[in-house]
Amino acid sequence: MPQNNNEVPVYLFLGFLESGKTKFIQETLEDKRFNSGERTLVLVCEEGIEEYSDAKYPSKNVVIRSIEDKEELTSENLDKLVKESRAERVVVEYNGMWLVNDLFKAMPEGWAVYQVMFFADASTFLNYNSNMRSLVVDKLNLCELVVFNRYERSMDPNEFHKIVRGISRRAEIAYEYTDGTVAYDDIEDPLPFDVEADEITINDDDYALFYRDIMEDPMKYDGKIITFKGMTAKNSKFPAGTFAVGRNIMTCCVEDIQYCWFVTESADDSEIQDRGWIMVKAGIKVQKHKFYRGKGPVLRVMEMSKAAPPEKEVATFY
């Protein structure tokens, strides 16, 4: 990825204690393709058994600093650490018990996340997912690559695949076996609707999958016609003829339910009620819109009618 001269690239490594983050970062810093002289600040937010050693670094321009308390995650402190180390980029070994958004809110202006990876010990991951599901979702929701290390050939990849795909369809999944070999997940995971069709009908049970997929890859839907059942919302900030249509989606637990909606335009919105259910057929145009803070899918209504709520009003991924 080309770097803006004013940007500080951030490489974010997520995972729980003893998940293999330190080992991977150490090996990355030993690789001259990554560590070819750039001044690098490594922020360690979680102390494990593994320790960093610069003995094999091809470049010694690496500064390691610890952040032991979440209260230290402030824009002022992070900016100070970068300036003191004269770093050109930042590698973050993040604490698995902290929410990633706490880091994002603290990032100084100019920091740009270039890559997010999640590491998990396959022997303990399923327990983490059962007992700390919200923290697992928090991490998997953002990553581009998931690495399950200490993976045994007796384990069922479908269990791990299902958990990741229930949260993210874009993340690549790798299994690092105990013998050192690595295999990449190739389980087919088709969407429950025909995304290649010009006109797509979304069943009530599939709204969460549809919403996530269109938000991850909106251009795939540009120019298509979509039909689905949604709940409307109106706001005084909306211009005339504009309203929201969407569904409440639960990713992991009741606390994280969010109204996930689309900007919707209609020549006549006089009968649109706040929190009313409709069946809508609309064309999709991906364009800039202030409510998306950039480009997003704007629905242009072709047909709509009042509808009864779905059997399950809160949409889920499973």
C-alpha atoms as a PDB file:
ATOM      1  CA  MET A   1       0.000   0.000   0.000  1.00  0.00           C
ATOM      2  CA  PRO A   2       1.470   3.388  -0.960  1.00  0.00           C
ATOM      3  CA  GLN A   3       2.251   5.575   2.034  1.00  0.00           C
ATOM      4  CA  ASN A   4       1.195   9.174   2.395  1.00  0.00           C
ATOM      5  CA  ASN A   5       4.148  11.180   3.727  1.00  0.00           C
ATOM      6  CA  ASN A   6       1.992  12.458   6.572  1.00  0.00           C
ATOM      7  CA  GLU A   7       0.766   9.016   7.616  1.00  0.00           C
ATOM      8  CA  VAL A   8       2.145   6.792  10.335  1.00  0.00           C
ATOM      9  CA  PRO A   9       1.387   3.206   9.238  1.00  0.00           C
ATOM     10  CA  VAL A  10       0.029   1.014  12.028  1.00  0.00           C
ATOM     11  CA  TYR A  11       0.255  -2.789  12.000  1.00  0.00           C
ATOM     12  CA  LEU A  12      -2.173  -4.216  14.543  1.00  0.00           C
ATOM     13  CA  PHE A  13      -1.772  -7.703  16.020  1.00  0.00           C
ATOM     14  CA  LEU A  14      -4.750  -8.986  17.995  1.00  0.00           C
ATOM     15  CA  GLY A  15      -5.291 -12.072  20.128  1.00  0.00           C
ATOM     16  CA  PHE A  16      -5.527 -13.303  23.678  1.00  0.00           C
ATOM     17  CA  LEU A  17      -2.682 -14.079  26.074  1.00  0.00           C
ATOM     18  CA  GLU A  18      -0.311 -16.789  24.782  1.00  0.00           C
ATOM     19  CA  SER A  19      -1.903 -16.729  21.339  1.00  0.00           C
ATOM     20  CA  GLY A  20       1.372 -16.406  19.435  1.00  0.00           C
ATOM     21  CA  LYS A  21       1.384 -12.657  18.755  1.00  0.00           C
ATOM     22  CA  THR A  22       4.856 -12.008  20.179  1.00  0.00           C
ATOM     23  CA  LYS A  23       6.414 -14.922  18.287  1.00  0.00           C
ATOM     24  CA  PHE A  24       4.950 -13.743  14.991  1.00  0.00           C
ATOM     25  CA  ILE A  25       5.996 -10.121  15.517  1.00  0.00           C
ATOM     26  CA  GLN A  26       9.509 -11.253  16.487  1.00  0.00           C
ATOM     27  CA  GLU A  27       9.783 -13.313  13.291  1.00  0.00           C
ATOM     28  CA  THR A  28       8.404 -10.406  11.255  1.00  0.00           C
ATOM     29  CA  LEU A  29      11.035  -8.041  12.670  1.00  0.00           C
ATOM     30  CA  GLU A  30      13.710 -10.629  11.806  1.00  0.00           C
ATOM     31  CA  ASP A  31      12.563 -10.582   8.157  1.00  0.00           C
ATOM     32  CA  LYS A  32      14.548  -8.067   6.116  1.00  0.00           C
ATOM     33  CA  ARG A  33      11.617  -7.693   3.717  1.00  0.00           C
ATOM     34  CA  PHE A  34       9.709  -5.997   6.553  1.00  0.00           C
ATOM     35  CA  ASN A  35      12.551  -4.644   8.648  1.00  0.00           C
ATOM     36  CA  SER A  36      14.817  -3.009   6.099  1.00  0.00           C
ATOM     37  CA  GLY A  37      15.700   0.109   8.061  1.00  0.00           C
ATOM     38  CA  GLU A  38      12.436   1.891   8.825  1.00  0.00           C
ATOM     39  CA  ARG A  39      12.349   3.293  12.335  1.00  0.00           C
ATOM     40  CA  THR A  40       9.748   1.086  14.051  1.00  0.00           C
ATOM     41  CA  LEU A  41       7.964   1.563  17.371  1.00  0.00           C
ATOM     42  CA  VAL A  42       6.609  -1.655  18.900  1.00  0.00           C
ATOM     43  CA  LEU A  43       3.888  -1.018  21.475  1.00  0.00           C
ATOM     44  CA  VAL A  44       3.467  -4.019  23.783  1.00  0.00           C
ATOM     45  CA  CYS A  45       0.122  -3.919  25.567  1.00  0.00           C
ATOM     46  CA  GLU A  46       0.263  -7.424  27.004  1.00  0.00           C
ATOM     47  CA  GLU A  47       3.192  -9.190  28.672  1.00  0.00           C
ATOM     48  CA  GLY A  48       3.390 -12.917  27.925  1.00  0.00           C
ATOM     49  CA  ILE A  49       6.054 -15.594  28.323  1.00  0.00           C
ATOM     50  CA  GLU A  50       7.766 -14.760  25.024  1.00  0.00           C
ATOM     51  CA  GLU A  51      10.144 -11.796  24.970  1.00  0.00           C
ATOM     52  CA  TYR A  52      11.520  -9.712  22.138  1.00  0.00           C
ATOM     53  CA  SER A  53      15.167 -10.012  21.143  1.00  0.00           C
ATOM     54  CA  ASP A  54      16.948  -7.826  18.598  1.00  0.00           C
ATOM     55  CA  ALA A  55      19.795 -10.314  18.112  1.00  0.00           C
ATOM     56  CA  LYS A  56      18.549 -11.358  14.644  1.00  0.00           C
ATOM     57  CA  TYR A  57      17.023  -8.071  13.489  1.00  0.00           C
ATOM     58  CA  PRO A  58      18.498  -7.069  10.086  1.00  0.00           C
ATOM     59  CA  SER A  59      17.970  -3.457  11.189  1.00  0.00           C
ATOM     60  CA  LYS A  60      18.320  -2.252  14.777  1.00  0.00           C
ATOM     61  CA  ASN A  61      15.976   0.706  14.275  1.00  0.00           C
ATOM     62  CA  VAL A  62      13.365  -0.904  16.525  1.00  0.00           C
ATOM     63  CA  VAL A  63      12.145   0.704  19.748  1.00  0.00           C
ATOM     64  CA  ILE A  64       9.985  -1.341  22.131  1.00  0.00           C
ATOM     65  CA  ARG A  65       7.727   0.356  24.651  1.00  0.00           C
ATOM     66  CA  SER A  66       5.168  -1.145  27.034  1.00  0.00           C
ATOM     67  CA  ILE A  67       1.659   0.092  27.718  1.00  0.00           C
ATOM     68  CA  GLU A  68       0.619  -1.671  30.900  1.00  0.00           C
ATOM     69  CA  ASP A  69      -2.576   0.207  31.697  1.00  0.00           C
ATOM     70  CA  LYS A  70      -5.445   1.051  29.345  1.00  0.00           C
ATOM     71  CA  GLU A  71      -5.447   4.560  30.831  1.00  0.00           C
ATOM     72  CA  GLU A  72      -2.164   5.096  28.964  1.00  0.00           C
ATOM     73  CA  LEU A  73      -4.028   4.786  25.668  1.00  0.00           C
ATOM     74  CA  THR A  74      -4.368   8.477  24.967  1.00  0.00           C
ATOM     75  CA  SER A  75      -3.652  10.441  21.834  1.00  0.00           C
ATOM     76  CA  GLU A  76      -1.151  12.587  23.726  1.00  0.00           C
ATOM     77  CA  ASN A  77       0.785   9.619  25.092  1.00  0.00           C
ATOM     78  CA  LEU A  78       0.870   7.729  21.785  1.00  0.00           C
ATOM     79  CA  ASP A  79       1.994  10.840  19.935  1.00  0.00           C
ATOM     80  CA  LYS A  80       4.707  11.381  22.550  1.00  0.00           C
ATOM     81  CA  LEU A  81       5.995   7.811  22.138  1.00  0.00           C
ATOM     82  CA  VAL A  82       6.211   8.192  18.364  1.00  0.00           C
ATOM     83  CA  LYS A  83       8.057  11.482  18.598  1.00  0.00           C
ATOM     84  CA  GLU A  84      10.481  10.229  21.267  1.00  0.00           C
ATOM     85  CA  SER A  85      11.307   7.131  19.205  1.00  0.00           C
ATOM     86  CA  ARG A  86      11.292   9.070  15.926  1.00  0.00           C
ATOM     87  CA  ALA A  87       9.262   6.170  14.533  1.00  0.00           C
ATOM     88  CA  GLU A  88       8.169   5.998  10.906  1.00  0.00           C
ATOM     89  CA  ARG A  89       5.657   3.238  11.669  1.00  0.00           C
ATOM     90  CA  VAL A  90       4.032   1.494  14.624  1.00  0.00           C
ATOM     91  CA  VAL A  91       3.522  -2.186  15.425  1.00  0.00           C
ATOM     92  CA  VAL A  92       0.940  -2.835  18.148  1.00  0.00           C
ATOM     93  CA  GLU A  93       0.737  -6.061  20.155  1.00  0.00           C
ATOM     94  CA  TYR A  94      -2.695  -5.385  21.615  1.00  0.00           C
ATOM     95  CA  ASN A  95      -4.148  -6.651  24.862  1.00  0.00           C
ATOM     96  CA  GLY A  96      -6.825  -9.257  24.156  1.00  0.00           C
ATOM     97  CA  MET A  97      -8.978  -8.058  27.049  1.00  0.00           C
ATOM     98  CA  TRP A  98      -9.187  -4.483  25.742  1.00  0.00           C
ATOM     99  CA  LEU A  99     -11.697  -3.381  23.119  1.00  0.00           C
ATOM    100  CA  VAL A 100     -10.074  -2.401  19.832  1.00  0.00           C
ATOM    101  CA  ASN A 101     -12.191   0.737  19.617  1.00  0.00           C
ATOM    102  CA  ASP A 102     -10.379   2.070  22.704  1.00  0.00           C
ATOM    103  CA  LEU A 103      -7.191   2.063  20.656  1.00  0.00           C
ATOM    104  CA  PHE A 104      -8.848   3.592  17.599  1.00  0.00           C
ATOM    105  CA  LYS A 105     -10.281   6.436  19.675  1.00  0.00           C
ATOM    106  CA  ALA A 106      -6.825   7.125  21.113  1.00  0.00           C
ATOM    107  CA  MET A 107      -4.917   7.099  17.823  1.00  0.00           C
ATOM    108  CA  PRO A 108      -3.305  10.454  17.040  1.00  0.00           C
ATOM    109  CA  GLU A 109      -4.209  12.247  13.845  1.00  0.00           C
ATOM    110  CA  GLY A 110      -2.183  10.845  10.969  1.00  0.00           C
ATOM    111  CA  TRP A 111      -2.057   7.259  12.213  1.00  0.00           C
ATOM    112  CA  ALA A 112      -3.399   4.907   9.538  1.00  0.00           C
ATOM    113  CA  VAL A 113      -4.133   1.222  10.124  1.00  0.00           C
ATOM    114  CA  TYR A 114      -2.438  -0.705   7.321  1.00  0.00           C
ATOM    115  CA  GLN A 115      -2.999  -4.283   8.479  1.00  0.00           C
ATOM    116  CA  VAL A 116      -4.937  -6.121  11.188  1.00  0.00           C
ATOM    117  CA  MET A 117      -4.193  -9.739  12.107  1.00  0.00           C
ATOM    118  CA  PHE A 118      -5.716 -11.996  14.761  1.00  0.00           C
ATOM    119  CA  PHE A 119      -3.885 -14.902  16.397  1.00  0.00           C
ATOM    120  CA  ALA A 120      -5.448 -17.682  18.438  1.00  0.00           C
ATOM    121  CA  ASP A 121      -4.280 -20.827  20.156  1.00  0.00           C
ATOM    122  CA  ALA A 122      -6.544 -23.427  18.529  1.00  0.00           C
ATOM    123  CA  SER A 123      -6.576 -25.516  21.710  1.00  0.00           C
ATOM    124  CA  THR A 124      -8.179 -22.713  23.750  1.00  0.00           C
ATOM    125  CA  PHE A 125     -10.020 -20.634  21.129  1.00  0.00           C
ATOM    126  CA  LEU A 126     -13.348 -22.462  21.333  1.00  0.00           C
ATOM    127  CA  ASN A 127     -13.431 -21.899  25.100  1.00  0.00           C
ATOM    128  CA  TYR A 128     -12.675 -18.209  24.635  1.00  0.00           C
ATOM    129  CA  ASN A 129     -15.484 -17.999  22.099  1.00  0.00           C
ATOM    130  CA  SER A 130     -17.923 -19.701  24.492  1.00  0.00           C
ATOM    131  CA  ASN A 131     -16.997 -17.658  27.557  1.00  0.00           C
ATOM    132  CA  MET A 132     -15.906 -14.298  26.114  1.00  0.00           C
ATOM    133  CA  ARG A 133     -17.814 -14.134  22.870  1.00  0.00           C
ATOM    134  CA  SER A 134     -18.070 -10.337  22.801  1.00  0.00           C
ATOM    135  CA  LEU A 135     -14.267  -9.980  22.961  1.00  0.00           C
ATOM    136  CA  VAL A 136     -13.813 -12.551  20.183  1.00  0.00           C
ATOM    137  CA  VAL A 137     -16.305 -10.688  17.984  1.00  0.00           C
ATOM    138  CA  ASP A 138     -14.553  -7.403  18.753  1.00  0.00           C
ATOM    139  CA  LYS A 139     -11.296  -8.765  17.317  1.00  0.00           C
ATOM    140  CA  LEU A 140     -12.565 -10.882  14.410  1.00  0.00           C
ATOM    141  CA  ASN A 141     -14.791  -8.094  13.150  1.00  0.00           C
ATOM    142  CA  LEU A 142     -11.763  -6.083  12.035  1.00  0.00           C
ATOM    143  CA  CYS A 143      -9.034  -8.483  10.983  1.00  0.00           C
ATOM    144  CA  GLU A 144      -7.859  -9.359   7.493  1.00  0.00           C
ATOM    145  CA  LEU A 145      -6.128 -12.578   8.516  1.00  0.00           C
ATOM    146  CA  VAL A 146      -6.940 -15.078  11.271  1.00  0.00           C
ATOM    147  CA  VAL A 147      -4.183 -17.505  12.278  1.00  0.00           C
ATOM    148  CA  PHE A 148      -5.080 -20.544  14.353  1.00  0.00           C
ATOM    149  CA  ASN A 149      -1.760 -21.860  15.662  1.00  0.00           C
ATOM    150  CA  ARG A 150      -1.006 -25.046  17.633  1.00  0.00           C
ATOM    151  CA  TYR A 151      -3.584 -26.640  15.397  1.00  0.00           C
ATOM    152  CA  GLU A 152      -3.979 -30.425  15.560  1.00  0.00           C
ATOM    153  CA  ARG A 153      -4.960 -32.532  12.561  1.00  0.00           C
ATOM    154  CA  SER A 154      -7.659 -34.143  14.680  1.00  0.00           C
ATOM    155  CA  MET A 155      -9.458 -30.779  14.990  1.00  0.00           C
ATOM    156  CA  ASP A 156     -12.465 -29.972  12.802  1.00  0.00           C
ATOM    157  CA  PRO A 157     -11.791 -26.850  10.676  1.00  0.00           C
ATOM    158  CA  ASN A 158     -15.545 -26.376  10.185  1.00  0.00           C
ATOM    159  CA  GLU A 159     -15.903 -25.352  13.851  1.00  0.00           C
ATOM    160  CA  PHE A 160     -13.327 -22.590  13.473  1.00  0.00           C
ATOM    161  CA  HIS A 161     -14.510 -21.580  10.006  1.00  0.00           C
ATOM    162  CA  LYS A 162     -18.111 -21.200  11.165  1.00  0.00           C
ATOM    163  CA  ILE A 163     -17.138 -18.881  14.029  1.00  0.00           C
ATOM    164  CA  VAL A 164     -15.016 -16.630  11.812  1.00  0.00           C
ATOM    165  CA  ARG A 165     -17.545 -16.516   8.972  1.00  0.00           C
ATOM    166  CA  GLY A 166     -20.318 -15.726  11.417  1.00  0.00           C
ATOM    167  CA  ILE A 167     -18.481 -12.457  12.045  1.00  0.00           C
ATOM    168  CA  SER A 168     -16.493 -11.711   8.899  1.00  0.00           C
ATOM    169  CA  ARG A 169     -16.622 -12.982   5.334  1.00  0.00           C
ATOM    170  CA  ARG A 170     -13.528 -11.117   4.213  1.00  0.00           C
ATOM    171  CA  ALA A 171     -10.940 -12.452   6.673  1.00  0.00           C
ATOM    172  CA  GLU A 172      -8.528 -15.052   5.355  1.00  0.00           C
ATOM    173  CA  ILE A 173      -8.108 -18.058   7.665  1.00  0.00           C
ATOM    174  CA  ALA A 174      -4.851 -19.971   8.182  1.00  0.00           C
ATOM    175  CA  TYR A 175      -4.179 -23.080  10.269  1.00  0.00           C
ATOM    176  CA  GLU A 176      -0.648 -23.493  11.614  1.00  0.00           C
ATOM    177  CA  TYR A 177      -0.181 -27.117  12.611  1.00  0.00           C
ATOM    178  CA  THR A 178       1.952 -28.253  15.514  1.00  0.00           C
ATOM    179  CA  ASP A 179       4.489 -29.690  13.025  1.00  0.00           C
ATOM    180  CA  GLY A 180       5.065 -26.214  11.565  1.00  0.00           C
ATOM    181  CA  THR A 181       3.114 -26.641   8.330  1.00  0.00           C
ATOM    182  CA  VAL A 182       0.446 -24.110   7.365  1.00  0.00           C
ATOM    183  CA  ALA A 183      -2.820 -24.655   5.500  1.00  0.00           C
ATOM    184  CA  TYR A 184      -5.273 -22.022   4.327  1.00  0.00           C
ATOM    185  CA  ASP A 185      -9.015 -22.392   4.736  1.00  0.00           C
ATOM    186  CA  ASP A 186     -10.690 -23.338   1.451  1.00  0.00           C
ATOM    187  CA  ILE A 187     -14.170 -24.216   2.720  1.00  0.00           C
ATOM    188  CA  GLU A 188     -16.737 -22.826   0.295  1.00  0.00           C
ATOM    189  CA  ASP A 189     -19.097 -20.424   1.946  1.00  0.00           C
ATOM    190  CA  PRO A 190     -21.709 -19.305  -0.589  1.00  0.00           C
ATOM    191  CA  LEU A 191     -24.213 -16.605   0.261  1.00  0.00           C
ATOM    192  CA  PRO A 192     -27.807 -17.799   0.720  1.00  0.00           C
ATOM    193  CA  PHE A 193     -28.950 -15.650  -2.228  1.00  0.00           C
ATOM    194  CA  ASP A 194     -27.788 -15.229  -5.819  1.00  0.00           C
ATOM    195  CA  VAL A 195     -25.530 -12.193  -5.774  1.00  0.00           C
ATOM    196  CA  GLU A 196     -24.966 -12.553  -9.539  1.00  0.00           C
ATOM    197  CA  ALA A 197     -28.644 -11.965 -10.340  1.00  0.00           C
ATOM    198  CA  ASP A 198     -29.821  -8.539 -11.507  1.00  0.00           C
ATOM    199  CA  GLU A 199     -32.723  -8.741  -9.052  1.00  0.00           C
ATOM    200  CA  ILE A 200     -32.092 -10.161  -5.579  1.00  0.00           C
ATOM    201  CA  THR A 201     -34.670 -11.067  -2.938  1.00  0.00           C
ATOM    202  CA  ILE A 202     -33.403 -11.232   0.651  1.00  0.00           C
ATOM    203  CA  ASN A 203     -35.247 -13.592   2.987  1.00  0.00           C
ATOM    204  CA  ASP A 204     -35.899 -12.342   6.521  1.00  0.00           C
ATOM    205  CA  ASP A 205     -33.334 -14.771   7.994  1.00  0.00           C
ATOM    206  CA  ASP A 206     -30.605 -13.555   5.622  1.00  0.00           C
ATOM    207  CA  TYR A 207     -30.659  -9.806   6.255  1.00  0.00           C
ATOM    208  CA  ALA A 208     -27.605  -9.779   8.558  1.00  0.00           C
ATOM    209  CA  LEU A 209     -25.476 -11.660   6.002  1.00  0.00           C
ATOM    210  CA  PHE A 210     -26.686  -9.388   3.210  1.00  0.00           C
ATOM    211  CA  TYR A 211     -26.017  -6.195   5.157  1.00  0.00           C
ATOM    212  CA  ARG A 212     -22.491  -7.233   6.117  1.00  0.00           C
ATOM    213  CA  ASP A 213     -21.671  -8.345   2.571  1.00  0.00           C
ATOM    214  CA  ILE A 214     -22.910  -5.182   0.876  1.00  0.00           C
ATOM    215  CA  MET A 215     -21.074  -2.983   3.378  1.00  0.00           C
ATOM    216  CA  GLU A 216     -17.840  -4.940   2.862  1.00  0.00           C
ATOM    217  CA  ASP A 217     -18.114  -4.941  -0.944  1.00  0.00           C
ATOM    218  CA  PRO A 218     -20.771  -2.414  -2.037  1.00  0.00           C
ATOM    219  CA  MET A 219     -19.713  -2.227  -5.689  1.00  0.00           C
ATOM    220  CA  LYS A 220     -20.757  -5.867  -6.104  1.00  0.00           C
ATOM    221  CA  TYR A 221     -24.348  -4.662  -5.709  1.00  0.00           C
ATOM    222  CA  ASP A 222     -24.137  -1.399  -7.657  1.00  0.00           C
ATOM    223  CA  GLY A 223     -26.925  -1.200 -10.246  1.00  0.00           C
ATOM    224  CA  LYS A 224     -28.825  -4.220  -8.913  1.00  0.00           C
ATOM    225  CA  ILE A 225     -32.424  -4.330  -7.700  1.00  0.00           C
ATOM    226  CA  ILE A 226     -33.024  -5.545  -4.152  1.00  0.00           C
ATOM    227  CA  THR A 227     -36.209  -6.640  -2.361  1.00  0.00           C
ATOM    228  CA  PHE A 228     -36.343  -7.112   1.416  1.00  0.00           C
ATOM    229  CA  LYS A 229     -38.364  -6.404   4.537  1.00  0.00           C
ATOM    230  CA  GLY A 230     -37.093  -3.626   6.766  1.00  0.00           C
ATOM    231  CA  MET A 231     -37.974  -1.201   9.529  1.00  0.00           C
ATOM    232  CA  THR A 232     -38.132   2.469   8.588  1.00  0.00           C
ATOM    233  CA  ALA A 233     -36.775   5.432  10.503  1.00  0.00           C
ATOM    234  CA  LYS A 234     -37.159   9.159   9.964  1.00  0.00           C
ATOM    235  CA  ASN A 235     -35.010  11.965  11.282  1.00  0.00           C
ATOM    236  CA  SER A 236     -35.276  15.732  11.101  1.00  0.00           C
ATOM    237  CA  LYS A 237     -31.751  15.817   9.641  1.00  0.00           C
ATOM    238  CA  PHE A 238     -32.872  13.835   6.580  1.00  0.00           C
ATOM    239  CA  PRO A 239     -33.697  15.900   3.488  1.00  0.00           C
ATOM    240  CA  ALA A 240     -37.160  15.612   1.951  1.00  0.00           C
ATOM    241  CA  GLY A 241     -37.751  12.267   0.288  1.00  0.00           C
ATOM    242  CA  THR A 242     -35.010  10.541   2.302  1.00  0.00           C
ATOM    243  CA  PHE A 243     -35.431   8.048   5.124  1.00  0.00           C
ATOM    244  CA  ALA A 244     -33.753   4.950   6.562  1.00  0.00           C
ATOM    245  CA  VAL A 245     -34.647   1.307   6.014  1.00  0.00           C
ATOM    246  CA  GLY A 246     -32.895  -1.436   7.936  1.00  0.00           C
ATOM    247  CA  ARG A 247     -33.027  -4.047  10.666  1.00  0.00           C
ATOM    248  CA  ASN A 248     -31.648  -4.417  14.163  1.00  0.00           C
ATOM    249  CA  ILE A 249     -28.719  -6.853  14.016  1.00  0.00           C
ATOM    250  CA  MET A 250     -27.219  -8.791  16.904  1.00  0.00           C
ATOM    251  CA  THR A 251     -23.661  -9.993  16.364  1.00  0.00           C
ATOM    252  CA  CYS A 252     -23.043 -11.826  19.614  1.00  0.00           C
ATOM    253  CA  CYS A 253     -25.201 -10.630  22.499  1.00  0.00           C
ATOM    254  CA  VAL A 254     -28.078  -8.323  23.393  1.00  0.00           C
ATOM    255  CA  GLU A 255     -25.700  -5.486  24.371  1.00  0.00           C
ATOM    256  CA  ASP A 256     -24.360  -5.162  20.819  1.00  0.00           C
ATOM    257  CA  ILE A 257     -27.680  -4.893  18.946  1.00  0.00           C
ATOM    258  CA  GLN A 258     -27.479  -2.084  16.391  1.00  0.00           C
ATOM    259  CA  TYR A 259     -29.859  -0.645  13.829  1.00  0.00           C
ATOM    260  CA  CYS A 260     -28.108  -1.318  10.518  1.00  0.00           C
ATOM    261  CA  TRP A 261     -29.722   0.742   7.804  1.00  0.00           C
ATOM    262  CA  PHE A 262     -29.503   2.120   4.288  1.00  0.00           C
ATOM    263  CA  VAL A 263     -30.023   5.646   3.030  1.00  0.00           C
ATOM    264  CA  THR A 264     -33.276   5.363   1.079  1.00  0.00           C
ATOM    265  CA  GLU A 265     -34.776   7.841  -1.378  1.00  0.00           C
ATOM    266  CA  SER A 266     -38.381   7.974  -2.570  1.00  0.00           C
ATOM    267  CA  ALA A 267     -40.457  10.474  -4.516  1.00  0.00           C
ATOM    268  CA  ASP A 268     -43.183  10.047  -1.898  1.00  0.00           C
ATOM    269  CA  ASP A 269     -42.305   9.309   1.728  1.00  0.00           C
ATOM    270  CA  SER A 270     -45.471  10.851   3.203  1.00  0.00           C
ATOM    271  CA  GLU A 271     -46.700   7.534   4.609  1.00  0.00           C
ATOM    272  CA  ILE A 272     -43.370   6.468   6.052  1.00  0.00           C
ATOM    273  CA  GLN A 273     -43.601   5.976   9.802  1.00  0.00           C
ATOM    274  CA  ASP A 274     -40.812   5.912  12.338  1.00  0.00           C
ATOM    275  CA  ARG A 275     -40.242   2.245  13.294  1.00  0.00           C
ATOM    276  CA  GLY A 276     -42.754   1.002  10.722  1.00  0.00           C
ATOM    277  CA  TRP A 277     -42.222  -2.213   8.749  1.00  0.00           C
ATOM    278  CA  ILE A 278     -42.286  -2.210   4.950  1.00  0.00           C
ATOM    279  CA  MET A 279     -41.484  -4.510   2.055  1.00  0.00           C
ATOM    280  CA  VAL A 280     -39.288  -2.483  -0.273  1.00  0.00           C
ATOM    281  CA  LYS A 281     -38.035  -3.025  -3.803  1.00  0.00           C
ATOM    282  CA  ALA A 282     -35.294  -0.604  -4.765  1.00  0.00           C
ATOM    283  CA  GLY A 283     -32.429  -0.002  -7.115  1.00  0.00           C
ATOM    284  CA  ILE A 284     -28.983   0.264  -5.545  1.00  0.00           C
ATOM    285  CA  LYS A 285     -26.616   3.090  -6.434  1.00  0.00           C
ATOM    286  CA  VAL A 286     -23.234   3.266  -4.694  1.00  0.00           C
ATOM    287  CA  GLN A 287     -22.427   6.943  -4.302  1.00  0.00           C
ATOM    288  CA  LYS A 288     -21.105   9.547  -1.925  1.00  0.00           C
ATOM    289  CA  HIS A 289     -23.544  10.527   0.789  1.00  0.00           C
ATOM    290  CA  LYS A 290     -23.034  12.541   3.951  1.00  0.00           C
ATOM    291  CA  PHE A 291     -24.747   9.900   6.082  1.00  0.00           C
ATOM    292  CA  TYR A 292     -22.096   7.354   5.009  1.00  0.00           C
ATOM    293  CA  ARG A 293     -19.185   9.769   5.463  1.00  0.00           C
ATOM    294  CA  GLY A 294     -18.090   8.703   2.004  1.00  0.00           C
ATOM    295  CA  LYS A 295     -19.508   6.264  -0.535  1.00  0.00           C
ATOM    296  CA  GLY A 296     -22.256   3.796   0.331  1.00  0.00           C
ATOM    297  CA  PRO A 297     -25.299   2.036  -1.099  1.00  0.00           C
ATOM    298  CA  VAL A 298     -28.229   4.395  -1.627  1.00  0.00           C
ATOM    299  CA  LEU A 299     -31.595   2.722  -2.233  1.00  0.00           C
ATOM    300  CA  ARG A 300     -33.930   4.323  -4.760  1.00  0.00           C
ATOM    301  CA  VAL A 301     -37.430   3.021  -4.107  1.00  0.00           C
ATOM    302  CA  MET A 302     -39.313   1.388  -6.978  1.00  0.00           C
ATOM    303  CA  GLU A 303     -42.083  -0.221  -4.914  1.00  0.00           C
ATOM    304  CA  MET A 304     -42.915  -0.337  -1.215  1.00  0.00           C
ATOM    305  CA  SER A 305     -45.807  -1.461   0.931  1.00  0.00           C
ATOM    306  CA  LYS A 306     -46.600  -1.891   4.613  1.00  0.00           C
ATOM    307  CA  ALA A 307     -45.631  -5.273   6.016  1.00  0.00           C
ATOM    308  CA  ALA A 308     -45.909  -7.321   9.189  1.00  0.00           C
ATOM    309  CA  PRO A 309     -42.715  -7.616  11.269  1.00  0.00           C
ATOM    310  CA  PRO A 310     -40.589 -10.714  10.584  1.00  0.00           C
ATOM    311  CA  GLU A 311     -40.910 -13.650  12.960  1.00  0.00           C
ATOM    312  CA  LYS A 312     -37.543 -12.671  14.458  1.00  0.00           C
ATOM    313  CA  GLU A 313     -37.368  -8.900  14.526  1.00  0.00           C
ATOM    314  CA  VAL A 314     -33.642  -8.892  15.443  1.00  0.00           C
ATOM    315  CA  ALA A 315     -31.509 -10.299  12.629  1.00  0.00           C
ATOM    316  CA  THR A 316     -28.508 -12.543  13.414  1.00  0.00           C
ATOM    317  CA  PHE A 317     -25.738 -14.293  11.499  1.00  0.00           C
ATOM    318  CA  TYR A 318     -26.795 -17.775  12.568  1.00  0.00           C
END
